[in-house]
Amino acid sequence: MGRLQNRTAVITGGGSGMGAAVVGRFVEEGARVVVLDRVQDKLDALEASYGDAVRGVLGSVTEYADNAQACAVAQREFGGLDVFIGNAGIWDFSRALLDSTPEHLVAGFDELFSVNVKGYVLGARAAAPLLRESRGSMIFTLSNAAFYPGGGGVLYTAAKHAGHGLVRQLAYELAPEIRVNAVAPGGMATDLRGPAAMDLSGESISTAIPIGQIVRENSALEIEPLPEDYAEAYVLLGAARESRTATGTVIDLSGFGTPRRPR
């Protein structure tokens, strides 16, 4: 029997990349999953792959009604909600302050923070009543940029630091009924995109830069991680028995906490 047998999760941005890897691991461990994503083709592919274990909801994390709809589907189709995973996000392609026009900073801030921070807040608000009933948990996807400079530009790094603070505040507010934690992956080749307001939505991180090489050359372990390499931490935090004492915790899996050894 899997560690998440008969547990239900809502995962935002689960159509590709880190989110899709977590969907796969949760299903493998026995969970039923509702995925909130803004691309219908990705939702269709997940439902085709996992059958009755997955339900897709088309929508945006920036809209409270869409977050609430995903939670309502979890309750209606699977009988409740045990884990909410806020994962949907966008990146700023490491755009520095002085390399950004004032116009891009204004519009890019609104778009990036709306997805990466407001999306987490709205998802948490939608999920909290059901999670209180189940004494469940929230898990948020952060980043090495939540701890260190250089994992993004000024907007992304600020947003991920805000996410770190959000985890601590929600863990404080929602205890003892709901545990709130996060996972901080490092860089990886995915379909992660940037704000349209900064003209950064047309290309993904995997095609724009050699992200695997960059991570390998700047981390102590000298590997090119895949999304699947990070997914196990979400299973740990979503499994009530294995993480019963964990709240307000961020698991840093980025590999940047230890400097690379000189050669």
C-alpha atoms as a PDB file:
ATOM      1  CA  MET A   1       0.000   0.000   0.000  1.00  0.00           C
ATOM      2  CA  GLY A   2       1.317   3.428  -0.946  1.00  0.00           C
ATOM      3  CA  ARG A   3       2.087   6.160   1.546  1.00  0.00           C
ATOM      4  CA  LEU A   4      -0.700   8.308   0.083  1.00  0.00           C
ATOM      5  CA  GLN A   5      -3.296   5.575  -0.320  1.00  0.00           C
ATOM      6  CA  ASN A   6      -6.831   7.010  -0.496  1.00  0.00           C
ATOM      7  CA  ARG A   7      -5.576  10.556   0.085  1.00  0.00           C
ATOM      8  CA  THR A   8      -6.682  13.354  -2.226  1.00  0.00           C
ATOM      9  CA  ALA A   9      -4.559  16.242  -3.456  1.00  0.00           C
ATOM     10  CA  VAL A  10      -5.067  19.403  -5.462  1.00  0.00           C
ATOM     11  CA  ILE A  11      -1.960  20.369  -7.431  1.00  0.00           C
ATOM     12  CA  THR A  12      -1.751  23.678  -9.282  1.00  0.00           C
ATOM     13  CA  GLY A  13       0.343  23.907 -12.421  1.00  0.00           C
ATOM     14  CA  GLY A  14       0.392  20.119 -12.562  1.00  0.00           C
ATOM     15  CA  GLY A  15       0.276  19.862 -16.327  1.00  0.00           C
ATOM     16  CA  SER A  16       4.019  19.826 -16.903  1.00  0.00           C
ATOM     17  CA  GLY A  17       7.427  20.102 -15.270  1.00  0.00           C
ATOM     18  CA  MET A  18       7.659  19.891 -11.502  1.00  0.00           C
ATOM     19  CA  GLY A  19       3.902  19.693 -11.096  1.00  0.00           C
ATOM     20  CA  ALA A  20       3.505  16.782 -13.500  1.00  0.00           C
ATOM     21  CA  ALA A  21       6.292  14.889 -11.733  1.00  0.00           C
ATOM     22  CA  VAL A  22       4.490  15.322  -8.417  1.00  0.00           C
ATOM     23  CA  VAL A  23       1.199  14.197  -9.949  1.00  0.00           C
ATOM     24  CA  GLY A  24       2.892  11.020 -11.147  1.00  0.00           C
ATOM     25  CA  ARG A  25       4.467  10.248  -7.775  1.00  0.00           C
ATOM     26  CA  PHE A  26       1.241  10.930  -5.887  1.00  0.00           C
ATOM     27  CA  VAL A  27      -0.729   8.596  -8.135  1.00  0.00           C
ATOM     28  CA  GLU A  28       1.995   5.980  -7.786  1.00  0.00           C
ATOM     29  CA  GLU A  29       1.651   6.218  -4.002  1.00  0.00           C
ATOM     30  CA  GLY A  30      -2.119   5.701  -4.165  1.00  0.00           C
ATOM     31  CA  ALA A  31      -3.449   9.277  -4.167  1.00  0.00           C
ATOM     32  CA  ARG A  32      -6.279  10.749  -6.205  1.00  0.00           C
ATOM     33  CA  VAL A  33      -5.324  14.098  -7.715  1.00  0.00           C
ATOM     34  CA  VAL A  34      -7.126  17.169  -9.038  1.00  0.00           C
ATOM     35  CA  VAL A  35      -4.914  19.290 -11.283  1.00  0.00           C
ATOM     36  CA  LEU A  36      -5.552  22.996 -11.852  1.00  0.00           C
ATOM     37  CA  ASP A  37      -3.828  24.170 -15.025  1.00  0.00           C
ATOM     38  CA  ARG A  38      -4.480  26.749 -17.717  1.00  0.00           C
ATOM     39  CA  VAL A  39      -3.670  24.486 -20.689  1.00  0.00           C
ATOM     40  CA  GLN A  40      -6.410  22.022 -21.635  1.00  0.00           C
ATOM     41  CA  ASP A  41      -4.140  19.774 -23.716  1.00  0.00           C
ATOM     42  CA  LYS A  42      -1.943  19.146 -20.679  1.00  0.00           C
ATOM     43  CA  LEU A  43      -4.952  18.256 -18.556  1.00  0.00           C
ATOM     44  CA  ASP A  44      -6.242  15.903 -21.241  1.00  0.00           C
ATOM     45  CA  ALA A  45      -2.857  14.150 -21.382  1.00  0.00           C
ATOM     46  CA  LEU A  46      -2.824  13.623 -17.609  1.00  0.00           C
ATOM     47  CA  GLU A  47      -6.323  12.197 -17.565  1.00  0.00           C
ATOM     48  CA  ALA A  48      -5.438   9.878 -20.451  1.00  0.00           C
ATOM     49  CA  SER A  49      -2.315   8.687 -18.612  1.00  0.00           C
ATOM     50  CA  TYR A  50      -3.791   8.193 -15.129  1.00  0.00           C
ATOM     51  CA  GLY A  51      -7.455   7.510 -15.788  1.00  0.00           C
ATOM     52  CA  ASP A  52      -9.806   7.721 -12.819  1.00  0.00           C
ATOM     53  CA  ALA A  53      -7.014   8.783 -10.453  1.00  0.00           C
ATOM     54  CA  VAL A  54      -6.803  12.296 -11.951  1.00  0.00           C
ATOM     55  CA  ARG A  55      -9.322  15.036 -12.657  1.00  0.00           C
ATOM     56  CA  GLY A  56      -8.374  18.188 -14.541  1.00  0.00           C
ATOM     57  CA  VAL A  57      -9.736  21.678 -13.928  1.00  0.00           C
ATOM     58  CA  LEU A  58      -9.030  24.375 -16.504  1.00  0.00           C
ATOM     59  CA  GLY A  59      -8.313  27.718 -14.899  1.00  0.00           C
ATOM     60  CA  SER A  60      -5.843  30.216 -13.489  1.00  0.00           C
ATOM     61  CA  VAL A  61      -4.376  30.298  -9.993  1.00  0.00           C
ATOM     62  CA  THR A  62      -4.806  34.067 -10.054  1.00  0.00           C
ATOM     63  CA  GLU A  63      -8.585  33.615  -9.838  1.00  0.00           C
ATOM     64  CA  TYR A  64     -10.058  32.563  -6.500  1.00  0.00           C
ATOM     65  CA  ALA A  65     -13.040  30.937  -8.213  1.00  0.00           C
ATOM     66  CA  ASP A  66     -10.764  28.591 -10.163  1.00  0.00           C
ATOM     67  CA  ASN A  67      -8.902  27.523  -7.012  1.00  0.00           C
ATOM     68  CA  ALA A  68     -12.231  26.975  -5.282  1.00  0.00           C
ATOM     69  CA  GLN A  69     -13.486  24.932  -8.224  1.00  0.00           C
ATOM     70  CA  ALA A  70     -10.478  22.599  -8.022  1.00  0.00           C
ATOM     71  CA  CYS A  71     -11.126  22.036  -4.321  1.00  0.00           C
ATOM     72  CA  ALA A  72     -14.831  21.481  -4.963  1.00  0.00           C
ATOM     73  CA  VAL A  73     -13.998  18.836  -7.582  1.00  0.00           C
ATOM     74  CA  ALA A  74     -11.756  17.079  -5.039  1.00  0.00           C
ATOM     75  CA  GLN A  75     -14.625  16.992  -2.564  1.00  0.00           C
ATOM     76  CA  ARG A  76     -17.261  15.949  -5.090  1.00  0.00           C
ATOM     77  CA  GLU A  77     -15.246  13.347  -6.997  1.00  0.00           C
ATOM     78  CA  PHE A  78     -13.003  11.972  -4.250  1.00  0.00           C
ATOM     79  CA  GLY A  79     -14.794  12.749  -1.004  1.00  0.00           C
ATOM     80  CA  GLY A  80     -12.576  15.483   0.435  1.00  0.00           C
ATOM     81  CA  LEU A  81      -9.130  17.035   0.380  1.00  0.00           C
ATOM     82  CA  ASP A  82      -5.995  16.012   2.272  1.00  0.00           C
ATOM     83  CA  VAL A  83      -3.159  17.899   0.528  1.00  0.00           C
ATOM     84  CA  PHE A  84      -3.045  21.201  -1.335  1.00  0.00           C
ATOM     85  CA  ILE A  85       0.079  21.783  -3.426  1.00  0.00           C
ATOM     86  CA  GLY A  86       0.661  25.306  -4.691  1.00  0.00           C
ATOM     87  CA  ASN A  87       3.073  24.820  -7.557  1.00  0.00           C
ATOM     88  CA  ALA A  88       2.136  27.000 -10.539  1.00  0.00           C
ATOM     89  CA  GLY A  89       4.680  29.716 -11.206  1.00  0.00           C
ATOM     90  CA  ILE A  90       6.537  31.807 -13.747  1.00  0.00           C
ATOM     91  CA  TRP A  91      10.179  32.909 -13.923  1.00  0.00           C
ATOM     92  CA  ASP A  92      11.769  36.237 -14.866  1.00  0.00           C
ATOM     93  CA  PHE A  93      14.682  34.708 -16.810  1.00  0.00           C
ATOM     94  CA  SER A  94      17.101  36.339 -14.343  1.00  0.00           C
ATOM     95  CA  ARG A  95      16.232  39.820 -15.586  1.00  0.00           C
ATOM     96  CA  ALA A  96      18.272  42.224 -13.478  1.00  0.00           C
ATOM     97  CA  LEU A  97      16.942  45.498 -12.098  1.00  0.00           C
ATOM     98  CA  LEU A  98      19.014  47.759 -14.340  1.00  0.00           C
ATOM     99  CA  ASP A  99      18.367  45.596 -17.393  1.00  0.00           C
ATOM    100  CA  SER A 100      14.612  46.134 -17.013  1.00  0.00           C
ATOM    101  CA  THR A 101      12.710  49.157 -18.195  1.00  0.00           C
ATOM    102  CA  PRO A 102      10.507  50.850 -15.611  1.00  0.00           C
ATOM    103  CA  GLU A 103       7.503  49.777 -17.682  1.00  0.00           C
ATOM    104  CA  HIS A 104       8.595  46.133 -17.628  1.00  0.00           C
ATOM    105  CA  LEU A 105       9.184  46.286 -13.883  1.00  0.00           C
ATOM    106  CA  VAL A 106       5.720  47.681 -13.189  1.00  0.00           C
ATOM    107  CA  ALA A 107       3.851  45.257 -15.428  1.00  0.00           C
ATOM    108  CA  GLY A 108       6.145  42.306 -14.740  1.00  0.00           C
ATOM    109  CA  PHE A 109       5.827  42.735 -10.980  1.00  0.00           C
ATOM    110  CA  ASP A 110       2.043  42.645 -11.175  1.00  0.00           C
ATOM    111  CA  GLU A 111       1.984  39.533 -13.363  1.00  0.00           C
ATOM    112  CA  LEU A 112       4.725  37.552 -11.637  1.00  0.00           C
ATOM    113  CA  PHE A 113       3.578  38.285  -8.094  1.00  0.00           C
ATOM    114  CA  SER A 114      -0.011  37.574  -9.107  1.00  0.00           C
ATOM    115  CA  VAL A 115       0.925  34.041 -10.156  1.00  0.00           C
ATOM    116  CA  ASN A 116       3.757  33.217  -7.738  1.00  0.00           C
ATOM    117  CA  VAL A 117       2.423  34.819  -4.567  1.00  0.00           C
ATOM    118  CA  LYS A 118      -1.247  35.703  -4.920  1.00  0.00           C
ATOM    119  CA  GLY A 119      -1.882  32.323  -6.537  1.00  0.00           C
ATOM    120  CA  TYR A 120      -0.538  30.606  -3.426  1.00  0.00           C
ATOM    121  CA  VAL A 121      -2.582  32.815  -1.100  1.00  0.00           C
ATOM    122  CA  LEU A 122      -5.817  32.237  -3.023  1.00  0.00           C
ATOM    123  CA  GLY A 123      -5.201  28.501  -3.272  1.00  0.00           C
ATOM    124  CA  ALA A 124      -4.533  28.306   0.446  1.00  0.00           C
ATOM    125  CA  ARG A 125      -7.734  30.196   1.208  1.00  0.00           C
ATOM    126  CA  ALA A 126      -9.788  27.912  -1.027  1.00  0.00           C
ATOM    127  CA  ALA A 127      -8.286  24.725   0.398  1.00  0.00           C
ATOM    128  CA  ALA A 128      -8.161  25.612   4.087  1.00  0.00           C
ATOM    129  CA  PRO A 129     -11.760  24.718   5.088  1.00  0.00           C
ATOM    130  CA  LEU A 130     -11.489  21.218   3.619  1.00  0.00           C
ATOM    131  CA  LEU A 131      -7.996  20.702   5.020  1.00  0.00           C
ATOM    132  CA  ARG A 132      -9.212  21.625   8.483  1.00  0.00           C
ATOM    133  CA  GLU A 133     -11.781  18.857   8.245  1.00  0.00           C
ATOM    134  CA  SER A 134      -9.159  16.285   7.222  1.00  0.00           C
ATOM    135  CA  ARG A 135      -6.325  17.722   9.353  1.00  0.00           C
ATOM    136  CA  GLY A 136      -4.373  17.831   6.115  1.00  0.00           C
ATOM    137  CA  SER A 137      -1.441  19.802   4.814  1.00  0.00           C
ATOM    138  CA  MET A 138      -0.314  22.439   2.346  1.00  0.00           C
ATOM    139  CA  ILE A 139       2.896  22.186   0.350  1.00  0.00           C
ATOM    140  CA  PHE A 140       4.308  25.016  -1.756  1.00  0.00           C
ATOM    141  CA  THR A 141       6.962  24.940  -4.436  1.00  0.00           C
ATOM    142  CA  LEU A 142       9.687  27.459  -3.685  1.00  0.00           C
ATOM    143  CA  SER A 143      13.200  27.570  -5.176  1.00  0.00           C
ATOM    144  CA  ASN A 144      16.854  28.093  -4.389  1.00  0.00           C
ATOM    145  CA  ALA A 145      15.877  31.731  -5.037  1.00  0.00           C
ATOM    146  CA  ALA A 146      13.945  31.644  -1.757  1.00  0.00           C
ATOM    147  CA  PHE A 147      17.320  31.455   0.036  1.00  0.00           C
ATOM    148  CA  TYR A 148      20.088  32.672  -2.279  1.00  0.00           C
ATOM    149  CA  PRO A 149      20.668  35.354  -4.922  1.00  0.00           C
ATOM    150  CA  GLY A 150      21.246  34.349  -8.520  1.00  0.00           C
ATOM    151  CA  GLY A 151      18.383  31.878  -8.907  1.00  0.00           C
ATOM    152  CA  GLY A 152      16.417  34.460 -10.819  1.00  0.00           C
ATOM    153  CA  GLY A 153      16.184  38.174 -11.300  1.00  0.00           C
ATOM    154  CA  VAL A 154      14.955  40.821  -8.913  1.00  0.00           C
ATOM    155  CA  LEU A 155      11.246  40.001  -9.319  1.00  0.00           C
ATOM    156  CA  TYR A 156      11.474  36.212  -9.108  1.00  0.00           C
ATOM    157  CA  THR A 157      13.849  36.247  -6.143  1.00  0.00           C
ATOM    158  CA  ALA A 158      11.634  38.699  -4.275  1.00  0.00           C
ATOM    159  CA  ALA A 159       8.554  36.572  -5.015  1.00  0.00           C
ATOM    160  CA  LYS A 160      10.174  33.352  -3.795  1.00  0.00           C
ATOM    161  CA  HIS A 161      11.339  35.052  -0.609  1.00  0.00           C
ATOM    162  CA  ALA A 162       7.728  36.176  -0.175  1.00  0.00           C
ATOM    163  CA  GLY A 163       6.660  32.559  -0.608  1.00  0.00           C
ATOM    164  CA  HIS A 164       9.059  31.537   2.155  1.00  0.00           C
ATOM    165  CA  GLY A 165       7.445  34.070   4.470  1.00  0.00           C
ATOM    166  CA  LEU A 166       4.011  32.869   3.447  1.00  0.00           C
ATOM    167  CA  VAL A 167       4.851  29.316   4.505  1.00  0.00           C
ATOM    168  CA  ARG A 168       5.924  30.505   7.952  1.00  0.00           C
ATOM    169  CA  GLN A 169       2.903  32.736   8.423  1.00  0.00           C
ATOM    170  CA  LEU A 170       0.386  30.123   7.285  1.00  0.00           C
ATOM    171  CA  ALA A 171       2.019  27.463   9.460  1.00  0.00           C
ATOM    172  CA  TYR A 172       1.503  29.836  12.396  1.00  0.00           C
ATOM    173  CA  GLU A 173      -2.062  30.804  11.497  1.00  0.00           C
ATOM    174  CA  LEU A 174      -3.408  27.385  10.524  1.00  0.00           C
ATOM    175  CA  ALA A 175      -1.915  25.252  13.301  1.00  0.00           C
ATOM    176  CA  PRO A 176      -2.755  22.854  14.771  1.00  0.00           C
ATOM    177  CA  GLU A 177      -5.230  21.530  12.213  1.00  0.00           C
ATOM    178  CA  ILE A 178      -3.193  22.157   9.035  1.00  0.00           C
ATOM    179  CA  ARG A 179       0.507  21.607   8.470  1.00  0.00           C
ATOM    180  CA  VAL A 180       2.182  24.017   6.003  1.00  0.00           C
ATOM    181  CA  ASN A 181       5.539  23.256   4.380  1.00  0.00           C
ATOM    182  CA  ALA A 182       7.456  23.773   1.174  1.00  0.00           C
ATOM    183  CA  VAL A 183       9.982  22.193  -1.173  1.00  0.00           C
ATOM    184  CA  ALA A 184      12.745  24.275  -2.755  1.00  0.00           C
ATOM    185  CA  PRO A 185      13.990  22.591  -5.932  1.00  0.00           C
ATOM    186  CA  GLY A 186      16.955  23.821  -7.911  1.00  0.00           C
ATOM    187  CA  GLY A 187      17.033  24.582 -11.609  1.00  0.00           C
ATOM    188  CA  MET A 188      15.799  22.031 -14.142  1.00  0.00           C
ATOM    189  CA  ALA A 189      14.796  21.843 -17.780  1.00  0.00           C
ATOM    190  CA  THR A 190      11.010  22.325 -17.923  1.00  0.00           C
ATOM    191  CA  ASP A 191       8.383  24.364 -19.757  1.00  0.00           C
ATOM    192  CA  LEU A 192       8.691  27.153 -17.161  1.00  0.00           C
ATOM    193  CA  ARG A 193       7.991  30.501 -18.798  1.00  0.00           C
ATOM    194  CA  GLY A 194       8.091  34.180 -17.964  1.00  0.00           C
ATOM    195  CA  PRO A 195       5.672  37.097 -17.687  1.00  0.00           C
ATOM    196  CA  ALA A 196       3.989  38.086 -20.931  1.00  0.00           C
ATOM    197  CA  ALA A 197       4.165  41.655 -19.655  1.00  0.00           C
ATOM    198  CA  MET A 198       7.968  41.465 -19.951  1.00  0.00           C
ATOM    199  CA  ASP A 199       7.856  39.705 -23.350  1.00  0.00           C
ATOM    200  CA  LEU A 200       9.144  36.521 -21.700  1.00  0.00           C
ATOM    201  CA  SER A 201       6.260  34.108 -22.284  1.00  0.00           C
ATOM    202  CA  GLY A 202       7.209  32.861 -25.730  1.00  0.00           C
ATOM    203  CA  GLU A 203      10.094  30.619 -24.731  1.00  0.00           C
ATOM    204  CA  SER A 204      10.663  28.129 -21.915  1.00  0.00           C
ATOM    205  CA  ILE A 205      13.631  27.877 -19.594  1.00  0.00           C
ATOM    206  CA  SER A 206      14.656  24.595 -21.226  1.00  0.00           C
ATOM    207  CA  THR A 207      15.002  26.183 -24.667  1.00  0.00           C
ATOM    208  CA  ALA A 208      16.199  29.660 -23.708  1.00  0.00           C
ATOM    209  CA  ILE A 209      19.278  28.739 -21.680  1.00  0.00           C
ATOM    210  CA  PRO A 210      21.379  25.627 -21.002  1.00  0.00           C
ATOM    211  CA  ILE A 211      19.833  25.280 -17.551  1.00  0.00           C
ATOM    212  CA  GLY A 212      21.067  21.741 -16.967  1.00  0.00           C
ATOM    213  CA  GLN A 213      24.647  22.711 -17.647  1.00  0.00           C
ATOM    214  CA  ILE A 214      24.355  25.819 -15.471  1.00  0.00           C
ATOM    215  CA  VAL A 215      23.052  23.812 -12.524  1.00  0.00           C
ATOM    216  CA  ARG A 216      25.691  21.113 -12.967  1.00  0.00           C
ATOM    217  CA  GLU A 217      28.521  23.633 -13.039  1.00  0.00           C
ATOM    218  CA  ASN A 218      27.320  25.609 -10.015  1.00  0.00           C
ATOM    219  CA  SER A 219      26.145  22.971  -7.550  1.00  0.00           C
ATOM    220  CA  ALA A 220      28.208  20.804  -5.256  1.00  0.00           C
ATOM    221  CA  LEU A 221      26.825  17.516  -6.621  1.00  0.00           C
ATOM    222  CA  GLU A 222      27.539  18.377 -10.279  1.00  0.00           C
ATOM    223  CA  ILE A 223      24.358  16.776 -11.623  1.00  0.00           C
ATOM    224  CA  GLU A 224      21.571  17.895 -13.951  1.00  0.00           C
ATOM    225  CA  PRO A 225      18.407  17.236 -11.926  1.00  0.00           C
ATOM    226  CA  LEU A 226      15.099  16.172 -13.434  1.00  0.00           C
ATOM    227  CA  PRO A 227      11.727  17.132 -11.939  1.00  0.00           C
ATOM    228  CA  GLU A 228      11.333  13.531 -10.784  1.00  0.00           C
ATOM    229  CA  ASP A 229      14.437  13.937  -8.609  1.00  0.00           C
ATOM    230  CA  TYR A 230      12.594  16.456  -6.443  1.00  0.00           C
ATOM    231  CA  ALA A 231       9.163  14.810  -6.286  1.00  0.00           C
ATOM    232  CA  GLU A 232       9.862  12.467  -3.374  1.00  0.00           C
ATOM    233  CA  ALA A 233       9.978  15.371  -0.906  1.00  0.00           C
ATOM    234  CA  TYR A 234       6.373  16.229  -1.756  1.00  0.00           C
ATOM    235  CA  VAL A 235       5.365  12.646  -0.991  1.00  0.00           C
ATOM    236  CA  LEU A 236       7.143  12.862   2.357  1.00  0.00           C
ATOM    237  CA  LEU A 237       5.369  16.093   3.320  1.00  0.00           C
ATOM    238  CA  GLY A 238       2.014  14.865   2.029  1.00  0.00           C
ATOM    239  CA  ALA A 239       2.126  11.589   3.965  1.00  0.00           C
ATOM    240  CA  ALA A 240       0.657  12.211   7.399  1.00  0.00           C
ATOM    241  CA  ARG A 241       2.592   9.504   9.213  1.00  0.00           C
ATOM    242  CA  GLU A 242       6.037  10.370   7.848  1.00  0.00           C
ATOM    243  CA  SER A 243       5.764  14.141   8.376  1.00  0.00           C
ATOM    244  CA  ARG A 244       3.485  14.407  11.396  1.00  0.00           C
ATOM    245  CA  THR A 245       5.787  16.878  13.167  1.00  0.00           C
ATOM    246  CA  ALA A 246       6.688  19.017  10.145  1.00  0.00           C
ATOM    247  CA  THR A 247       5.197  22.480   9.757  1.00  0.00           C
ATOM    248  CA  GLY A 248       6.780  25.781   8.753  1.00  0.00           C
ATOM    249  CA  THR A 249       9.555  23.749   7.117  1.00  0.00           C
ATOM    250  CA  VAL A 250      11.201  24.279   3.734  1.00  0.00           C
ATOM    251  CA  ILE A 251      13.122  21.320   2.359  1.00  0.00           C
ATOM    252  CA  ASP A 252      15.988  22.807   0.351  1.00  0.00           C
ATOM    253  CA  LEU A 253      16.864  20.365  -2.423  1.00  0.00           C
ATOM    254  CA  SER A 254      18.590  22.894  -4.646  1.00  0.00           C
ATOM    255  CA  GLY A 255      22.146  21.782  -3.919  1.00  0.00           C
ATOM    256  CA  PHE A 256      23.280  25.397  -3.623  1.00  0.00           C
ATOM    257  CA  GLY A 257      23.559  25.448   0.160  1.00  0.00           C
ATOM    258  CA  THR A 258      27.004  23.833  -0.105  1.00  0.00           C
ATOM    259  CA  PRO A 259      29.530  25.650  -2.333  1.00  0.00           C
ATOM    260  CA  ARG A 260      31.010  23.724  -5.194  1.00  0.00           C
ATOM    261  CA  ARG A 261      34.386  22.286  -4.279  1.00  0.00           C
ATOM    262  CA  PRO A 262      37.247  23.891  -6.274  1.00  0.00           C
ATOM    263  CA  ARG A 263      38.945  21.587  -8.794  1.00  0.00           C
END
